C-alpha atoms as a PDB file:
ATOM      1  CA  MET A   1       5.881  17.202  13.559  1.00  0.00           C
ATOM      2  CA  THR A   2       5.338  14.086  11.476  1.00  0.00           C
ATOM      3  CA  GLY A   3       2.992  11.567  13.089  1.00  0.00           C
ATOM      4  CA  PHE A   4       3.720   7.822  13.076  1.00  0.00           C
ATOM      5  CA  ARG A   5       1.147   5.146  13.978  1.00  0.00           C
ATOM      6  CA  ARG A   6       2.039   1.476  13.872  1.00  0.00           C
ATOM      7  CA  LEU A   7      -0.820  -0.770  12.746  1.00  0.00           C
ATOM      8  CA  ALA A   8      -1.746  -4.197  14.180  1.00  0.00           C
ATOM      9  CA  ILE A   9       1.258  -5.585  12.286  1.00  0.00           C
ATOM     10  CA  PRO A  10       3.764  -3.018  13.623  1.00  0.00           C
ATOM     11  CA  GLU A  11       6.063  -3.030  10.579  1.00  0.00           C
ATOM     12  CA  VAL A  12       3.221  -1.360   8.620  1.00  0.00           C
ATOM     13  CA  ILE A  13       3.133   2.297   9.635  1.00  0.00           C
ATOM     14  CA  GLU A  14       0.659   5.118   8.952  1.00  0.00           C
ATOM     15  CA  ILE A  15       2.586   8.368   8.523  1.00  0.00           C
ATOM     16  CA  THR A  16       0.991  11.813   8.648  1.00  0.00           C
ATOM     17  CA  PRO A  17       3.249  14.726   7.690  1.00  0.00           C
ATOM     18  CA  PRO A  18       2.472  18.185   9.054  1.00  0.00           C
ATOM     19  CA  LYS A  19       0.449  20.488   6.817  1.00  0.00           C
ATOM     20  CA  HIS A  20       0.698  24.246   7.338  1.00  0.00           C
ATOM     21  CA  GLY A  21      -2.053  26.379   5.854  1.00  0.00           C
ATOM     22  CA  ASP A  22      -2.980  30.008   5.602  1.00  0.00           C
ATOM     23  CA  HIS A  23      -5.011  32.286   3.289  1.00  0.00           C
ATOM     24  CA  ARG A  24      -2.759  31.343   0.345  1.00  0.00           C
ATOM     25  CA  GLY A  25      -3.175  27.572   0.653  1.00  0.00           C
ATOM     26  CA  PHE A  26      -0.794  25.176   2.384  1.00  0.00           C
ATOM     27  CA  PHE A  27       2.770  23.864   2.564  1.00  0.00           C
ATOM     28  CA  SER A  28       3.888  20.390   3.627  1.00  0.00           C
ATOM     29  CA  GLU A  29       7.105  18.395   3.657  1.00  0.00           C
ATOM     30  CA  VAL A  30       5.414  15.192   2.466  1.00  0.00           C
ATOM     31  CA  PHE A  31       8.664  13.222   2.517  1.00  0.00           C
ATOM     32  CA  LYS A  32      11.465  13.998   4.933  1.00  0.00           C
ATOM     33  CA  ARG A  33      14.209  11.386   5.254  1.00  0.00           C
ATOM     34  CA  SER A  34      15.343  12.701   8.656  1.00  0.00           C
ATOM     35  CA  ALA A  35      11.829  12.310  10.143  1.00  0.00           C
ATOM     36  CA  LEU A  36      11.728   8.658   9.015  1.00  0.00           C
ATOM     37  CA  GLU A  37      15.254   7.999  10.251  1.00  0.00           C
ATOM     38  CA  ALA A  38      14.377   9.471  13.657  1.00  0.00           C
ATOM     39  CA  GLU A  39      11.755   6.694  13.842  1.00  0.00           C
ATOM     40  CA  GLY A  40      14.334   4.042  12.923  1.00  0.00           C
ATOM     41  CA  ILE A  41      13.165   3.805   9.298  1.00  0.00           C
ATOM     42  CA  HIS A  42      16.140   3.692   6.921  1.00  0.00           C
ATOM     43  CA  ILE A  43      14.996   3.115   3.342  1.00  0.00           C
ATOM     44  CA  ASP A  44      16.782   4.196   0.187  1.00  0.00           C
ATOM     45  CA  TRP A  45      13.926   5.095  -2.207  1.00  0.00           C
ATOM     46  CA  VAL A  46      14.823   4.657  -5.881  1.00  0.00           C
ATOM     47  CA  GLN A  47      11.642   5.308  -7.820  1.00  0.00           C
ATOM     48  CA  ASP A  48       8.314   7.165  -7.644  1.00  0.00           C
ATOM     49  CA  ASN A  49       5.145   5.721  -9.238  1.00  0.00           C
ATOM     50  CA  GLN A  50       1.736   7.263  -9.843  1.00  0.00           C
ATOM     51  CA  SER A  51      -1.562   5.700 -10.864  1.00  0.00           C
ATOM     52  CA  LEU A  52      -4.999   7.026 -11.789  1.00  0.00           C
ATOM     53  CA  SER A  53      -8.075   4.888 -11.260  1.00  0.00           C
ATOM     54  CA  ALA A  54     -11.085   6.390 -13.037  1.00  0.00           C
ATOM     55  CA  GLU A  55     -13.845   4.427 -11.331  1.00  0.00           C
ATOM     56  CA  ARG A  56     -14.804   4.066  -7.674  1.00  0.00           C
ATOM     57  CA  GLY A  57     -14.314   0.446  -6.647  1.00  0.00           C
ATOM     58  CA  THR A  58     -11.176  -0.138  -8.721  1.00  0.00           C
ATOM     59  CA  VAL A  59      -8.975  -2.782  -7.082  1.00  0.00           C
ATOM     60  CA  ARG A  60      -5.233  -2.913  -7.700  1.00  0.00           C
ATOM     61  CA  GLY A  61      -3.523  -5.843  -6.005  1.00  0.00           C
ATOM     62  CA  LEU A  62      -2.624  -7.718  -3.971  1.00  0.00           C
ATOM     63  CA  HIS A  63       0.837  -7.351  -5.562  1.00  0.00           C
ATOM     64  CA  PHE A  64       4.440  -7.907  -4.518  1.00  0.00           C
ATOM     65  CA  GLN A  65       7.915  -8.168  -6.014  1.00  0.00           C
ATOM     66  CA  ALA A  66       9.991 -11.223  -5.046  1.00  0.00           C
ATOM     67  CA  PRO A  67      13.637 -10.939  -3.992  1.00  0.00           C
ATOM     68  CA  PRO A  68      16.016  -9.693  -5.216  1.00  0.00           C
ATOM     69  CA  PHE A  69      13.572  -7.018  -6.407  1.00  0.00           C
ATOM     70  CA  ALA A  70      11.387  -6.988  -3.269  1.00  0.00           C
ATOM     71  CA  GLN A  71       9.945  -3.543  -2.671  1.00  0.00           C
ATOM     72  CA  ALA A  72       9.056  -1.466   0.333  1.00  0.00           C
ATOM     73  CA  LYS A  73       6.406   1.125  -0.553  1.00  0.00           C
ATOM     74  CA  LEU A  74       5.434   4.526   0.815  1.00  0.00           C
ATOM     75  CA  VAL A  75       1.897   5.151  -0.476  1.00  0.00           C
ATOM     76  CA  ARG A  76      -0.025   8.442  -0.516  1.00  0.00           C
ATOM     77  CA  VAL A  77      -3.129   9.716  -2.275  1.00  0.00           C
ATOM     78  CA  LEU A  78      -2.938  12.921  -4.317  1.00  0.00           C
ATOM     79  CA  ARG A  79      -6.657  13.008  -5.158  1.00  0.00           C
ATOM     80  CA  GLY A  80      -9.508  10.958  -3.736  1.00  0.00           C
ATOM     81  CA  ALA A  81      -9.323   8.118  -1.222  1.00  0.00           C
ATOM     82  CA  ILE A  82      -8.376   4.441  -1.047  1.00  0.00           C
ATOM     83  CA  TYR A  83      -8.849   1.495   1.269  1.00  0.00           C
ATOM     84  CA  ASP A  84      -5.250   0.283   1.479  1.00  0.00           C
ATOM     85  CA  VAL A  85      -4.301  -3.296   2.393  1.00  0.00           C
ATOM     86  CA  ALA A  86      -1.003  -4.960   3.342  1.00  0.00           C
ATOM     87  CA  VAL A  87      -0.782  -8.757   3.769  1.00  0.00           C
ATOM     88  CA  ASP A  88       2.197 -10.334   5.542  1.00  0.00           C
ATOM     89  CA  ILE A  89       3.680 -12.990   3.238  1.00  0.00           C
ATOM     90  CA  ARG A  90       6.914 -13.598   5.184  1.00  0.00           C
ATOM     91  CA  LYS A  91       7.275 -17.329   5.917  1.00  0.00           C
ATOM     92  CA  GLY A  92       7.712 -17.928   9.620  1.00  0.00           C
ATOM     93  CA  SER A  93       6.291 -14.553  10.598  1.00  0.00           C
ATOM     94  CA  PRO A  94       3.801 -14.720  13.485  1.00  0.00           C
ATOM     95  CA  SER A  95       1.462 -12.608  11.355  1.00  0.00           C
ATOM     96  CA  TYR A  96       1.873 -14.623   8.116  1.00  0.00           C
ATOM     97  CA  GLY A  97      -1.318 -14.401   6.031  1.00  0.00           C
ATOM     98  CA  ARG A  98      -2.780 -11.595   8.158  1.00  0.00           C
ATOM     99  CA  ALA A  99      -3.893  -8.327   6.624  1.00  0.00           C
ATOM    100  CA  VAL A 100      -3.896  -4.797   7.972  1.00  0.00           C
ATOM    101  CA  THR A 101      -5.897  -1.977   6.415  1.00  0.00           C
ATOM    102  CA  CYS A 102      -5.902   1.789   6.479  1.00  0.00           C
ATOM    103  CA  GLU A 103      -7.955   4.419   4.668  1.00  0.00           C
ATOM    104  CA  ILE A 104      -5.632   6.856   2.945  1.00  0.00           C
ATOM    105  CA  SER A 105      -6.925  10.055   1.399  1.00  0.00           C
ATOM    106  CA  ALA A 106      -5.867  13.400   0.065  1.00  0.00           C
ATOM    107  CA  GLU A 107      -8.064  14.987   2.731  1.00  0.00           C
ATOM    108  CA  ARG A 108      -6.541  13.070   5.657  1.00  0.00           C
ATOM    109  CA  TRP A 109      -3.021  13.774   4.307  1.00  0.00           C
ATOM    110  CA  ASN A 110      -1.767  10.394   5.512  1.00  0.00           C
ATOM    111  CA  GLN A 111       0.559   7.830   3.965  1.00  0.00           C
ATOM    112  CA  LEU A 112       1.204   4.133   4.515  1.00  0.00           C
ATOM    113  CA  LEU A 113       4.638   2.525   4.761  1.00  0.00           C
ATOM    114  CA  ILE A 114       4.534  -1.116   3.627  1.00  0.00           C
ATOM    115  CA  PRO A 115       7.806  -3.021   4.023  1.00  0.00           C
ATOM    116  CA  ALA A 116       9.141  -5.681   1.666  1.00  0.00           C
ATOM    117  CA  GLY A 117       7.637  -9.071   2.426  1.00  0.00           C
ATOM    118  CA  PHE A 118       4.069  -7.828   2.188  1.00  0.00           C
ATOM    119  CA  ALA A 119       1.556  -8.095  -0.635  1.00  0.00           C
ATOM    120  CA  HIS A 120      -0.085  -4.716  -1.231  1.00  0.00           C
ATOM    121  CA  GLY A 121      -3.311  -3.585  -2.797  1.00  0.00           C
ATOM    122  CA  PHE A 122      -6.059  -1.038  -2.583  1.00  0.00           C
ATOM    123  CA  MET A 123      -9.633  -0.261  -3.577  1.00  0.00           C
ATOM    124  CA  THR A 124     -10.557   3.253  -4.665  1.00  0.00           C
ATOM    125  CA  LEU A 125     -13.284   4.899  -2.585  1.00  0.00           C
ATOM    126  CA  THR A 126     -13.835   7.794  -4.976  1.00  0.00           C
ATOM    127  CA  PRO A 127     -13.763   8.228  -8.754  1.00  0.00           C
ATOM    128  CA  ASP A 128     -10.625   9.680 -10.377  1.00  0.00           C
ATOM    129  CA  THR A 129      -8.331   8.644  -7.538  1.00  0.00           C
ATOM    130  CA  GLU A 130      -4.626   9.353  -7.972  1.00  0.00           C
ATOM    131  CA  VAL A 131      -2.132   7.341  -5.929  1.00  0.00           C
ATOM    132  CA  PHE A 132       1.550   8.197  -5.638  1.00  0.00           C
ATOM    133  CA  TYR A 133       4.101   5.885  -4.071  1.00  0.00           C
ATOM    134  CA  LYS A 134       7.809   5.505  -3.569  1.00  0.00           C
ATOM    135  CA  VAL A 135       9.575   2.139  -3.910  1.00  0.00           C
ATOM    136  CA  ASP A 136      13.037   1.060  -2.840  1.00  0.00           C
ATOM    137  CA  ALA A 137      13.744  -1.364  -5.718  1.00  0.00           C
ATOM    138  CA  PRO A 138      13.064  -1.239  -9.450  1.00  0.00           C
ATOM    139  CA  TYR A 139      10.192  -3.149 -11.019  1.00  0.00           C
ATOM    140  CA  SER A 140      11.008  -6.570 -12.476  1.00  0.00           C
ATOM    141  CA  ARG A 141       8.398  -8.416 -14.548  1.00  0.00           C
ATOM    142  CA  GLU A 142      10.082 -11.750 -13.723  1.00  0.00           C
ATOM    143  CA  SER A 143       9.775 -10.999  -9.986  1.00  0.00           C
ATOM    144  CA  GLU A 144       6.170  -9.825  -9.871  1.00  0.00           C
ATOM    145  CA  GLY A 145       3.557 -11.834  -8.009  1.00  0.00           C
ATOM    146  CA  ALA A 146       0.047 -11.544  -6.668  1.00  0.00           C
ATOM    147  CA  ILE A 147      -2.466 -13.076  -4.284  1.00  0.00           C
ATOM    148  CA  LEU A 148      -6.204 -13.017  -4.945  1.00  0.00           C
ATOM    149  CA  TRP A 149      -7.550  -9.769  -3.529  1.00  0.00           C
ATOM    150  CA  ASN A 150     -10.713 -11.293  -2.041  1.00  0.00           C
ATOM    151  CA  ASP A 151      -9.357 -14.631  -0.799  1.00  0.00           C
ATOM    152  CA  PRO A 152     -11.640 -15.477   2.156  1.00  0.00           C
ATOM    153  CA  ALA A 153      -8.636 -16.877   4.079  1.00  0.00           C
ATOM    154  CA  LEU A 154      -7.238 -13.335   4.353  1.00  0.00           C
ATOM    155  CA  GLY A 155     -10.325 -12.027   6.144  1.00  0.00           C
ATOM    156  CA  ILE A 156     -10.185  -8.605   4.490  1.00  0.00           C
ATOM    157  CA  GLU A 157     -13.419  -6.644   4.912  1.00  0.00           C
ATOM    158  CA  TRP A 158     -13.368  -4.719   1.651  1.00  0.00           C
ATOM    159  CA  PRO A 159     -15.745  -1.751   1.345  1.00  0.00           C
ATOM    160  CA  ASP A 160     -18.857  -2.179  -0.787  1.00  0.00           C
ATOM    161  CA  PRO A 161     -18.353   0.089  -3.812  1.00  0.00           C
ATOM    162  CA  GLY A 162     -22.006  -0.279  -4.824  1.00  0.00           C
ATOM    163  CA  ALA A 163     -21.113  -2.145  -8.027  1.00  0.00           C
ATOM    164  CA  ALA A 164     -18.831  -4.976  -9.095  1.00  0.00           C
ATOM    165  CA  PRO A 165     -15.182  -4.086  -8.382  1.00  0.00           C
ATOM    166  CA  VAL A 166     -13.087  -3.088 -11.399  1.00  0.00           C
ATOM    167  CA  LEU A 167     -10.165  -5.516 -11.771  1.00  0.00           C
ATOM    168  CA  SER A 168      -7.378  -6.258 -14.214  1.00  0.00           C
ATOM    169  CA  ASP A 169      -7.400  -9.716 -15.802  1.00  0.00           C
ATOM    170  CA  LYS A 170      -4.220 -10.525 -13.858  1.00  0.00           C
ATOM    171  CA  ASP A 171      -5.766  -9.609 -10.499  1.00  0.00           C
ATOM    172  CA  ARG A 172      -8.948 -11.538 -11.248  1.00  0.00           C
ATOM    173  CA  VAL A 173      -7.041 -14.851 -11.543  1.00  0.00           C
ATOM    174  CA  ALA A 174      -4.326 -14.410  -8.892  1.00  0.00           C
ATOM    175  CA  PRO A 175      -3.753 -17.484  -6.684  1.00  0.00           C
ATOM    176  CA  LEU A 176      -5.249 -18.022  -3.245  1.00  0.00           C
ATOM    177  CA  LEU A 177      -2.956 -17.814  -0.231  1.00  0.00           C
ATOM    178  CA  SER A 178      -3.246 -21.626   0.145  1.00  0.00           C
ATOM    179  CA  GLU A 179      -1.934 -22.054  -3.431  1.00  0.00           C
ATOM    180  CA  PHE A 180       0.922 -19.642  -2.889  1.00  0.00           C
ATOM    181  CA  ASN A 181       4.552 -20.461  -2.044  1.00  0.00           C
ATOM    182  CA  SER A 182       6.031 -17.309  -0.570  1.00  0.00           C
ATOM    183  CA  PRO A 183       9.486 -16.250  -1.796  1.00  0.00           C
ATOM    184  CA  PHE A 184      10.021 -14.473   1.559  1.00  0.00           C
ATOM    185  CA  GLY A 185      11.584 -16.989   3.918  1.00  0.00           C
END
C-alpha cells in the first residue's frame, strides 16, 4: 500500500509507493492515480521531466511557474539522493515564506508532492544524481520565476556538500523573498 506523510506544511506530501522484491529484482507501481485520488489528490499530470546533476552539491532552484502556468510537481530520484525543498509563496497563507524539506533518494524509494504556489529546489547529496518529476502544466519561459536558494529569511538548513555549491547563473542572482512579489494571491 502506498504510504502518504504530510510534512509541516500539510499540502506538501511525502509519498512512498510499495516495492516488491524477490531473487529477480523488484517491481513497483511508482505512480498510481487511484492511490493519489484515494488520498484526495486529484492532479492531471501533463509532462514528465528528468535531470542529471553530475556533481554532489548541485543546487537547482528555488523555482516556480506563475499562473496561468503554475505547476504542481511529483518529484522522485532515479539514482542518488537529494535534499528537496518547498517554500510556500502563496500570499495570505499562514505558512507564507516557510520552507519544508525532505530527503528523497533512489534507496528510500520516496517521492515528494509539491503543489502549485510553492517554490521548489533541491541540492544533490551524491554525484550523478538523476531526478524525475511530473508536472501538471507546461513550461513557460515568460512565467518562470525564482527565489534565492540560500536567502537567510527562509531559514533553510542546507546540507554541507564539502565544497561550494554548484549553481546556474540564474539561480545565483535570484531575488530574496523580501524583494519578491508573489503571483500567488
